[in-house]
Amino acid sequence: MILNEGSLTALLKSQSDLFRVDVLREQWLASDSLHKNLLGQQCRQIQCREVLLVCDDVARVYAQSWISTQASDLGVRQLGSRPLGEVLFQDESWQRSELEVACVNNHSGYDALLNDLQLPLHNMYARRRVFTNREAKIMVCEVFLPKVNYATQLAK
């Protein structure tokens, strides 16, 4: 699943009876040097969107998207509970970078989330890629949560 080149949203939908996106947070932030390196030096502000991808009432993926102003203007500003993947994979003008994959063994940034979801502090895998449409860029980071039968989500 982690190396899947297609839409993760479509894959998760195909493997579950009930799929939904729980929006945790959406906010505009000033770009730092990391984001400027990935999204372009002209990127002064970015929209940060954090969601859970939930399959059959089990949170499976924590996703964080960093959306440039130009990308926001192309129709990803107010997604609500609509999956970003549906927008990016239905529009052929979005080009995808290679996937970068890593093992997350330092949970310091995820302790509160894992605790809220009643998930153990296991090593997790994450991936990221940048989507580009002319000057518009979106960096999508996805963390695959530990698969536990009793896992719950933050919002129902």
Protein backbone atom coordinates (compact mmCIF):
# COMPACT_ATOMS: atom_id res chain seq x y z
CA MET A 1 0.00 0.00 0.00
CA ILE A 2 2.77 2.45 0.90
CA LEU A 3 4.44 2.14 -2.52
CA ASN A 4 1.17 2.45 -4.44
CA GLU A 5 1.69 5.05 -7.18
CA GLY A 6 -2.03 5.70 -7.69
CA SER A 7 -4.57 7.39 -5.48
CA LEU A 8 -4.37 6.23 -1.87
CA THR A 9 -7.95 7.45 -1.43
CA ALA A 10 -9.18 5.16 -4.23
CA LEU A 11 -7.23 2.22 -2.80
CA LEU A 12 -8.61 2.72 0.71
CA LYS A 13 -12.15 3.11 -0.65
CA SER A 14 -11.79 -0.18 -2.52
CA GLN A 15 -10.71 -1.96 0.67
CA SER A 16 -13.50 -0.73 2.93
CA ASP A 17 -17.27 -0.54 3.07
CA LEU A 18 -17.31 2.93 4.60
CA PHE A 19 -14.66 5.57 3.88
CA ARG A 20 -14.50 9.13 5.13
CA VAL A 21 -12.14 12.03 5.71
CA ASP A 22 -12.07 13.58 9.19
CA VAL A 23 -10.61 17.09 8.99
CA LEU A 24 -8.47 17.76 12.07
CA ARG A 25 -7.21 21.24 11.17
CA GLU A 26 -6.90 23.71 8.32
CA GLN A 27 -4.87 26.88 8.72
CA TRP A 28 -2.72 29.36 6.83
CA LEU A 29 0.92 29.60 7.93
CA ALA A 30 4.02 31.51 6.89
CA SER A 31 6.36 29.35 4.78
CA ASP A 32 9.63 28.28 6.35
CA SER A 33 12.82 27.32 4.49
CA LEU A 34 11.87 23.62 4.23
CA HIS A 35 8.57 24.44 2.56
CA LYS A 36 10.16 27.02 0.28
CA ASN A 37 12.72 24.42 -0.85
CA LEU A 38 9.95 21.96 -1.72
CA LEU A 39 7.22 24.31 -2.92
CA GLY A 40 9.28 27.15 -4.39
CA GLN A 41 10.98 30.25 -3.05
CA GLN A 42 8.03 32.44 -4.15
CA CYS A 43 5.81 30.58 -1.68
CA ARG A 44 5.30 32.98 1.23
CA GLN A 45 2.16 31.49 2.75
CA ILE A 46 0.88 27.93 2.76
CA GLN A 47 -2.35 26.29 3.74
CA CYS A 48 -1.76 23.36 6.09
CA ARG A 49 -4.50 20.73 6.03
CA GLU A 50 -4.45 17.80 8.46
CA VAL A 51 -6.89 14.91 8.09
CA LEU A 52 -7.49 11.32 9.03
CA LEU A 53 -8.44 8.82 6.35
CA VAL A 54 -10.92 6.53 8.07
CA CYS A 55 -11.97 3.09 6.79
CA ASP A 56 -14.85 1.28 8.47
CA ASP A 57 -14.54 3.56 11.52
CA VAL A 58 -10.81 2.83 11.90
CA ALA A 59 -8.30 5.66 11.37
CA ARG A 60 -5.80 4.23 8.90
CA VAL A 61 -3.79 7.23 7.67
CA TYR A 62 -2.89 10.63 9.08
CA ALA A 63 -2.33 13.01 6.17
CA GLN A 64 -0.86 16.49 6.15
CA SER A 65 -0.95 18.64 3.04
CA TRP A 66 1.02 21.83 2.49
CA ILE A 67 -0.78 23.81 -0.21
CA SER A 68 0.74 26.84 -1.93
CA THR A 69 -1.39 29.92 -2.54
CA GLN A 70 -1.37 29.18 -6.27
CA ALA A 71 -2.63 25.62 -5.66
CA SER A 72 -5.29 26.89 -3.29
CA ASP A 73 -6.50 29.18 -6.07
CA LEU A 74 -6.85 26.15 -8.39
CA GLY A 75 -9.72 24.68 -6.39
CA VAL A 76 -8.26 23.04 -3.30
CA ARG A 77 -9.00 25.89 -0.91
CA GLN A 78 -12.26 24.64 0.59
CA LEU A 79 -12.31 20.87 0.34
CA GLY A 80 -14.13 20.25 3.60
CA SER A 81 -14.38 16.48 4.01
CA ARG A 82 -13.71 15.85 0.31
CA PRO A 83 -10.46 13.88 -0.19
CA LEU A 84 -7.62 15.90 -1.72
CA GLY A 85 -6.58 12.77 -3.63
CA GLU A 86 -9.82 12.86 -5.60
CA VAL A 87 -8.95 16.35 -6.85
CA LEU A 88 -5.31 15.59 -7.64
CA PHE A 89 -5.84 12.26 -9.41
CA GLN A 90 -8.88 13.33 -11.44
CA ASP A 91 -7.09 16.29 -13.00
CA GLU A 92 -4.30 15.17 -15.35
CA SER A 93 -2.61 18.58 -15.20
CA TRP A 94 -1.21 17.72 -11.74
CA GLN A 95 2.23 16.14 -12.11
CA ARG A 96 3.55 13.89 -9.34
CA SER A 97 7.09 13.68 -7.99
CA GLU A 98 8.64 10.39 -6.97
CA LEU A 99 7.46 8.97 -3.66
CA GLU A 100 9.77 9.42 -0.68
CA VAL A 101 9.25 6.72 1.96
CA ALA A 102 10.56 6.59 5.53
CA CYS A 103 10.10 4.71 8.77
CA VAL A 104 8.87 6.95 11.60
CA ASN A 105 10.42 5.70 14.82
CA ASN A 106 10.45 9.02 16.68
CA HIS A 107 6.85 9.56 17.73
CA SER A 108 7.34 12.97 19.36
CA GLY A 109 5.20 14.70 16.73
CA TYR A 110 2.51 12.01 16.85
CA ASP A 111 2.19 11.14 20.56
CA ALA A 112 -1.01 13.15 21.12
CA LEU A 113 -2.65 11.83 17.95
CA LEU A 114 -1.79 8.21 18.74
CA ASN A 115 -3.01 8.67 22.30
CA ASP A 116 -6.32 10.21 21.13
CA LEU A 117 -6.79 7.33 18.71
CA GLN A 118 -5.88 4.79 21.41
CA LEU A 119 -3.04 3.46 19.27
CA PRO A 120 0.26 2.05 20.55
CA LEU A 121 3.59 3.76 19.92
CA HIS A 122 4.73 1.41 17.16
CA ASN A 123 7.06 2.31 14.34
CA MET A 124 5.04 3.63 11.43
CA TYR A 125 5.78 4.20 7.78
CA ALA A 126 5.28 7.50 6.05
CA ARG A 127 5.52 8.79 2.53
CA ARG A 128 5.47 12.15 0.80
CA ARG A 129 5.41 13.58 -2.67
CA VAL A 130 4.92 16.94 -4.32
CA PHE A 131 2.16 17.60 -6.84
CA THR A 132 2.81 20.37 -9.37
CA ASN A 133 0.48 22.19 -11.75
CA ARG A 134 2.48 25.00 -13.42
CA GLU A 135 3.41 27.33 -10.49
CA ALA A 136 1.01 25.61 -8.07
CA LYS A 137 2.47 23.01 -5.70
CA ILE A 138 1.13 20.75 -2.97
CA MET A 139 3.23 18.55 -0.70
CA VAL A 140 1.28 15.60 0.66
CA CYS A 141 2.65 13.64 3.62
CA GLU A 142 0.88 10.45 4.73
CA VAL A 143 1.60 8.48 7.89
CA PHE A 144 0.25 4.93 7.95
CA LEU A 145 -1.16 4.39 11.43
CA PRO A 146 -0.70 1.12 13.33
CA LYS A 147 -3.50 -1.27 12.40
CA VAL A 148 -5.38 -2.06 15.59
CA ASN A 149 -8.90 -3.50 15.67
CA TYR A 150 -10.13 -1.28 18.49
CA ALA A 151 -8.79 1.99 17.05
CA THR A 152 -11.20 4.89 17.11
CA GLN A 153 -11.24 8.27 15.41
CA LEU A 154 -11.38 11.82 16.75
CA ALA A 155 -14.58 12.93 15.01
CA LYS A 156 -17.66 10.90 14.18
